[in-house]
Each structure stands twice: as structure tokens, then as C-alpha cells.
Amino acid sequence: MSDDLSTRQGLPEPYRYLLADLPRDRWHGHEVAAMARFWLQMHSGFRREAAAMDALTGQWRSGALALPDLHRQLIPTLQSFLQHLDGHHNIETHHYFPTMRQVEPRIGAGIDLLDRDHDVIHGHLETLFQTGLAFHQGVSGPAPTASDAAARLADALDKAGPSLSRHLEDEEDIVIPLITRHADHFKG
């Protein structure tokens, strides 16, 4: 199985050992650490925002949503999404991942994988920011320009979605059982 975020189909086997102690079907109970539940809530928020943006661009592409309405609804969601995801990744990379490496040294290569994912996703975030800015600026211009900018933004969302989804799932497969296993190191 490939480690490349754009082609992998799931978390590579060497990094899945933590799931043996706490498989996904047990993540909804109180045996999951509070910080792990918070992590899942954050990821759920990213998924909701991505789905909302996909729905808006889908409505616009089908003709059910006018360009000004797309702009009015999509740009604030995009701004929030970009800000929250970038902040979340920075906290993970600079605070949580180093702690995870210390308390569970065996998963170091898995944390490296997640960090590489962050680099790939950052590229998508930069593209989303630039295409979102072009759409925002284009709305006050001629309709064909704004429509082209909206299409580029919708395409960028389509391209970013699978990588983000794969990363969130793979990260959870490492982080949720790890935080629960070492809950005393991940309080508040």
C-alpha cells in the first residue's frame, strides 16, 4: 500500500496496530479519552464544512444557486474552513505530534506520514485561498469572469476533498487510540 496521500486507500498496515486495542466501533463510548472525543468533533466540523461547500458548488453548477448567492454563502464558509484547518494542523504538528512521538515511539513513522499529509493539504489550502480570493474579487467584475473564478474554486474544492478525507480518517486511526492509551499526557 502506498504512503502517498493522493493514492493510498487507507492507513498503511504498520501504523494500524493501535486500532487493535481500540477499533473504530468503540469510539463512541466513554472509554475514549476526552481529548480524543474533542479531536473527533474537530474533524467532524471539517467534514461538515467541506460537505457544505460541496453542496453549494453543486447547487451552483446545476443552476439552482445564483452566482451572488454562491458567493454570499461559500466565501465565509471557505474562510472559516481554511482558518480552522490551518490552525488545527499547526497545533498538531508543533504540539501534539511531538508528544505522541515521545509517549508512543513505535508510531513515529506514522506521525511522519501525517506530517507529510499536512504538507500536501497545505498546498490544497493555498490553492483554495487563491481561487477563493479570485472568486471574491471577480464577483464585482463582469459575470463571465466571476463565473470562471467560481468554476476554478469549485474544481479546487473537488480536488482537495479526497486528500482531506483520506487524511482525516488515517489520522484518526492513529490519534484516537493513541490519545486514549496515553490519556494522562493529553489532558485539556
Foldseek 3Di string as FASTA:
>chain_A
DDLDLVDDPAADPLQLPLCVVPPPVNLPDPLFFPVLVVLVVLLVVLVVLLVVLLVLLVCVVVVNADLVRSLVPNLVSLVVNLVSVVVVLVCCVPPVLVVLCVVPVSCNVVSVSLNVLVVVLVVLSVQLVVLSVQLNVCVVDDPVSNVVSSVSNSVSSVSNVSSSVNSSRRCSSNPRSSCSVVVVSPDD
